[in-house]
Amino acid sequence: MSHYHAIVWIDHQRATAWHFSPTAQEETVLIGPAQTKQEFAGFLREKYPQLGKSVVAVENADHPTDAQILDYARRHFPTLDRMQ
C-alpha cells in the first residue's frame, strides 16, 4: 500500500487535492473557508475511519494560491524540503 502527503482544499461546491511525495505514513491536511472542512473531516472519521485517521490538521484558507498550498505542505510535512 502506498502512502502519501496530501492537502485538500474544500468548500461547499468543490474540492481540490494536491498529493505530495510518497511517505511512510499517510497524512492529510484539510483547508478551506467556513465549516465545510470540519464537516468533511467528521464525515471521514465516521464513515471511513482509516482515512479519517490520516487527517492531521484542519485549517482556514479562503482561496489559496499554489504557492500558499506549497507553504501549507512545507509546514505540515517537513520532509518535503529534504526530497529532491
N, C-alpha and C. Protein backbone atom coordinates (compact mmCIF):
# COMPACT_ATOMS: atom_id res chain seq x y z
N MET A 1 0.84 -1.18 0.00
CA MET A 1 0.00 0.00 0.00
C MET A 1 0.88 1.24 0.00
N SER A 2 0.64 2.15 -0.93
CA SER A 2 1.43 3.37 -0.94
C SER A 2 0.81 4.39 0.00
N HIS A 3 1.64 5.22 0.55
CA HIS A 3 1.20 6.27 1.46
C HIS A 3 1.53 7.60 0.82
N TYR A 4 0.99 8.67 1.38
CA TYR A 4 1.12 9.97 0.74
C TYR A 4 0.99 11.09 1.76
N HIS A 5 1.37 12.27 1.32
CA HIS A 5 1.03 13.52 1.99
C HIS A 5 0.04 14.20 1.06
N ALA A 6 -1.01 14.77 1.60
CA ALA A 6 -2.00 15.44 0.75
C ALA A 6 -2.54 16.69 1.43
N ILE A 7 -2.82 17.69 0.61
CA ILE A 7 -3.54 18.88 1.05
C ILE A 7 -4.85 18.86 0.27
N VAL A 8 -5.97 19.02 0.97
CA VAL A 8 -7.27 19.06 0.31
C VAL A 8 -7.92 20.40 0.63
N TRP A 9 -8.20 21.18 -0.42
CA TRP A 9 -8.96 22.43 -0.26
C TRP A 9 -10.39 22.10 -0.61
N ILE A 10 -11.33 22.47 0.28
CA ILE A 10 -12.73 22.11 0.08
C ILE A 10 -13.62 23.27 0.49
N ASP A 11 -14.66 23.52 -0.33
CA ASP A 11 -15.72 24.44 0.05
C ASP A 11 -17.05 23.75 -0.24
N HIS A 12 -18.15 24.48 -0.20
CA HIS A 12 -19.47 23.84 -0.37
C HIS A 12 -19.77 23.44 -1.81
N GLN A 13 -18.91 23.82 -2.78
CA GLN A 13 -19.16 23.46 -4.17
C GLN A 13 -18.18 22.46 -4.76
N ARG A 14 -16.93 22.45 -4.30
CA ARG A 14 -15.93 21.56 -4.90
C ARG A 14 -14.78 21.32 -3.95
N ALA A 15 -13.96 20.34 -4.33
CA ALA A 15 -12.75 20.02 -3.57
C ALA A 15 -11.61 19.83 -4.57
N THR A 16 -10.42 20.23 -4.16
CA THR A 16 -9.22 20.04 -4.96
C THR A 16 -8.17 19.41 -4.07
N ALA A 17 -7.50 18.37 -4.57
CA ALA A 17 -6.48 17.68 -3.77
C ALA A 17 -5.12 17.80 -4.45
N TRP A 18 -4.10 18.02 -3.63
CA TRP A 18 -2.71 18.02 -4.07
C TRP A 18 -2.02 16.88 -3.34
N HIS A 19 -1.43 15.96 -4.08
CA HIS A 19 -0.68 14.86 -3.48
C HIS A 19 0.79 15.18 -3.58
N PHE A 20 1.49 14.97 -2.49
CA PHE A 20 2.92 15.20 -2.46
C PHE A 20 3.63 13.87 -2.34
N SER A 21 4.86 13.90 -2.06
CA SER A 21 5.75 12.74 -2.11
C SER A 21 5.22 11.52 -1.37
N PRO A 22 5.55 10.33 -1.89
CA PRO A 22 5.25 9.11 -1.13
C PRO A 22 5.97 9.15 0.21
N THR A 23 5.39 8.56 1.20
CA THR A 23 5.94 8.61 2.55
C THR A 23 5.60 7.34 3.30
N ALA A 24 6.17 7.18 4.46
CA ALA A 24 5.92 6.00 5.28
C ALA A 24 4.57 6.09 5.99
N GLN A 25 3.97 7.27 6.04
CA GLN A 25 2.73 7.45 6.78
C GLN A 25 1.79 8.34 5.98
N GLU A 26 0.51 7.99 5.95
CA GLU A 26 -0.49 8.83 5.29
C GLU A 26 -0.80 10.02 6.18
N GLU A 27 -0.74 11.21 5.60
CA GLU A 27 -1.10 12.42 6.33
C GLU A 27 -1.84 13.35 5.38
N THR A 28 -2.95 13.88 5.88
CA THR A 28 -3.77 14.77 5.08
C THR A 28 -4.08 16.02 5.87
N VAL A 29 -3.97 17.19 5.21
CA VAL A 29 -4.36 18.46 5.79
C VAL A 29 -5.57 18.95 5.02
N LEU A 30 -6.64 19.30 5.72
CA LEU A 30 -7.84 19.84 5.09
C LEU A 30 -7.84 21.35 5.30
N ILE A 31 -8.03 22.11 4.21
CA ILE A 31 -8.10 23.56 4.31
C ILE A 31 -9.30 24.04 3.52
N GLY A 32 -9.80 25.22 3.86
CA GLY A 32 -10.92 25.79 3.13
C GLY A 32 -11.63 26.84 3.95
N PRO A 33 -12.61 27.51 3.34
CA PRO A 33 -13.38 28.52 4.06
C PRO A 33 -14.51 27.88 4.87
N ALA A 34 -15.06 28.64 5.76
CA ALA A 34 -16.26 28.25 6.51
C ALA A 34 -16.11 26.90 7.22
N GLN A 35 -17.22 26.17 7.37
CA GLN A 35 -17.25 24.95 8.17
C GLN A 35 -17.14 23.67 7.35
N THR A 36 -17.10 23.77 6.04
CA THR A 36 -17.12 22.58 5.19
C THR A 36 -15.99 21.63 5.50
N LYS A 37 -14.81 22.16 5.75
CA LYS A 37 -13.65 21.29 6.01
C LYS A 37 -13.82 20.49 7.29
N GLN A 38 -14.41 21.10 8.34
CA GLN A 38 -14.66 20.36 9.58
C GLN A 38 -15.72 19.29 9.37
N GLU A 39 -16.74 19.62 8.59
CA GLU A 39 -17.79 18.64 8.30
C GLU A 39 -17.21 17.46 7.52
N PHE A 40 -16.33 17.74 6.56
CA PHE A 40 -15.71 16.67 5.79
C PHE A 40 -14.81 15.81 6.66
N ALA A 41 -14.05 16.44 7.56
CA ALA A 41 -13.20 15.67 8.48
C ALA A 41 -14.06 14.74 9.35
N GLY A 42 -15.17 15.25 9.85
CA GLY A 42 -16.08 14.42 10.64
C GLY A 42 -16.67 13.28 9.83
N PHE A 43 -17.04 13.55 8.59
CA PHE A 43 -17.57 12.52 7.70
C PHE A 43 -16.53 11.42 7.49
N LEU A 44 -15.29 11.82 7.20
CA LEU A 44 -14.23 10.82 7.01
C LEU A 44 -14.03 9.97 8.26
N ARG A 45 -14.00 10.62 9.41
CA ARG A 45 -13.76 9.88 10.67
C ARG A 45 -14.89 8.91 10.97
N GLU A 46 -16.11 9.30 10.61
CA GLU A 46 -17.27 8.44 10.89
C GLU A 46 -17.43 7.33 9.86
N LYS A 47 -17.39 7.67 8.58
CA LYS A 47 -17.70 6.71 7.52
C LYS A 47 -16.48 5.95 6.99
N TYR A 48 -15.31 6.58 7.06
CA TYR A 48 -14.07 5.98 6.55
C TYR A 48 -12.96 6.19 7.58
N PRO A 49 -13.02 5.47 8.70
CA PRO A 49 -12.09 5.70 9.81
C PRO A 49 -10.61 5.67 9.42
N GLN A 50 -10.23 4.80 8.49
CA GLN A 50 -8.82 4.74 8.10
C GLN A 50 -8.38 6.06 7.47
N LEU A 51 -9.20 6.61 6.59
CA LEU A 51 -8.90 7.92 6.01
C LEU A 51 -8.99 9.02 7.06
N GLY A 52 -9.98 8.92 7.92
CA GLY A 52 -10.15 9.92 8.98
C GLY A 52 -8.94 10.02 9.88
N LYS A 53 -8.28 8.90 10.13
CA LYS A 53 -7.07 8.91 10.96
C LYS A 53 -5.92 9.65 10.30
N SER A 54 -5.96 9.77 8.97
CA SER A 54 -4.86 10.44 8.27
C SER A 54 -4.96 11.96 8.35
N VAL A 55 -6.10 12.51 8.77
CA VAL A 55 -6.26 13.96 8.86
C VAL A 55 -5.46 14.47 10.06
N VAL A 56 -4.40 15.24 9.77
CA VAL A 56 -3.51 15.73 10.83
C VAL A 56 -3.77 17.20 11.16
N ALA A 57 -4.52 17.91 10.31
CA ALA A 57 -4.83 19.32 10.58
C ALA A 57 -6.03 19.75 9.75
N VAL A 58 -6.79 20.69 10.30
CA VAL A 58 -7.91 21.32 9.60
C VAL A 58 -7.73 22.81 9.81
N GLU A 59 -7.53 23.57 8.72
CA GLU A 59 -7.20 24.99 8.84
C GLU A 59 -8.01 25.85 7.88
N ASN A 60 -8.16 27.13 8.24
CA ASN A 60 -8.85 28.09 7.39
C ASN A 60 -7.96 28.53 6.24
N ALA A 61 -8.53 28.60 5.05
CA ALA A 61 -7.85 29.13 3.87
C ALA A 61 -8.93 29.46 2.85
N ASP A 62 -9.03 30.72 2.46
CA ASP A 62 -10.11 31.10 1.56
C ASP A 62 -9.89 30.58 0.15
N HIS A 63 -9.12 31.16 -0.66
CA HIS A 63 -8.82 30.65 -2.00
C HIS A 63 -7.31 30.76 -2.18
N PRO A 64 -6.56 29.79 -1.63
CA PRO A 64 -5.09 29.91 -1.63
C PRO A 64 -4.49 29.75 -3.03
N THR A 65 -3.38 30.44 -3.22
CA THR A 65 -2.61 30.28 -4.45
C THR A 65 -1.82 28.98 -4.37
N ASP A 66 -1.23 28.57 -5.48
CA ASP A 66 -0.39 27.38 -5.47
C ASP A 66 0.78 27.54 -4.50
N ALA A 67 1.35 28.74 -4.44
CA ALA A 67 2.46 28.99 -3.51
C ALA A 67 2.01 28.84 -2.06
N GLN A 68 0.80 29.27 -1.75
CA GLN A 68 0.28 29.13 -0.39
C GLN A 68 0.01 27.66 -0.06
N ILE A 69 -0.45 26.89 -1.05
CA ILE A 69 -0.66 25.45 -0.84
C ILE A 69 0.68 24.79 -0.52
N LEU A 70 1.71 25.13 -1.27
CA LEU A 70 3.04 24.58 -1.02
C LEU A 70 3.54 24.97 0.36
N ASP A 71 3.23 26.18 0.80
CA ASP A 71 3.61 26.62 2.15
C ASP A 71 2.92 25.76 3.22
N TYR A 72 1.62 25.49 3.04
CA TYR A 72 0.92 24.59 3.97
C TYR A 72 1.61 23.23 4.00
N ALA A 73 1.94 22.71 2.84
CA ALA A 73 2.60 21.40 2.76
C ALA A 73 3.94 21.42 3.49
N ARG A 74 4.73 22.45 3.27
CA ARG A 74 6.05 22.53 3.93
C ARG A 74 5.93 22.63 5.44
N ARG A 75 4.91 23.36 5.92
CA ARG A 75 4.73 23.49 7.37
C ARG A 75 4.29 22.18 8.01
N HIS A 76 3.42 21.44 7.32
CA HIS A 76 2.87 20.22 7.90
C HIS A 76 3.66 18.97 7.56
N PHE A 77 4.42 19.01 6.48
CA PHE A 77 5.19 17.85 6.04
C PHE A 77 6.65 18.28 5.85
N PRO A 78 7.41 18.46 6.92
CA PRO A 78 8.77 18.99 6.82
C PRO A 78 9.72 18.15 5.96
N THR A 79 9.41 16.89 5.72
CA THR A 79 10.31 16.06 4.91
C THR A 79 10.28 16.45 3.45
N LEU A 80 9.29 17.25 3.02
CA LEU A 80 9.21 17.64 1.61
C LEU A 80 10.45 18.38 1.15
N ASP A 81 10.99 19.26 1.99
CA ASP A 81 12.16 20.04 1.61
C ASP A 81 13.41 19.18 1.48
N ARG A 82 13.43 18.03 2.12
CA ARG A 82 14.59 17.14 2.02
C ARG A 82 14.54 16.25 0.79
N MET A 83 13.36 16.18 0.16
CA MET A 83 13.22 15.33 -1.03
C MET A 83 13.44 16.14 -2.29
N GLN A 84 14.24 15.63 -3.16
CA GLN A 84 14.51 16.32 -4.43
C GLN A 84 14.25 15.40 -5.57
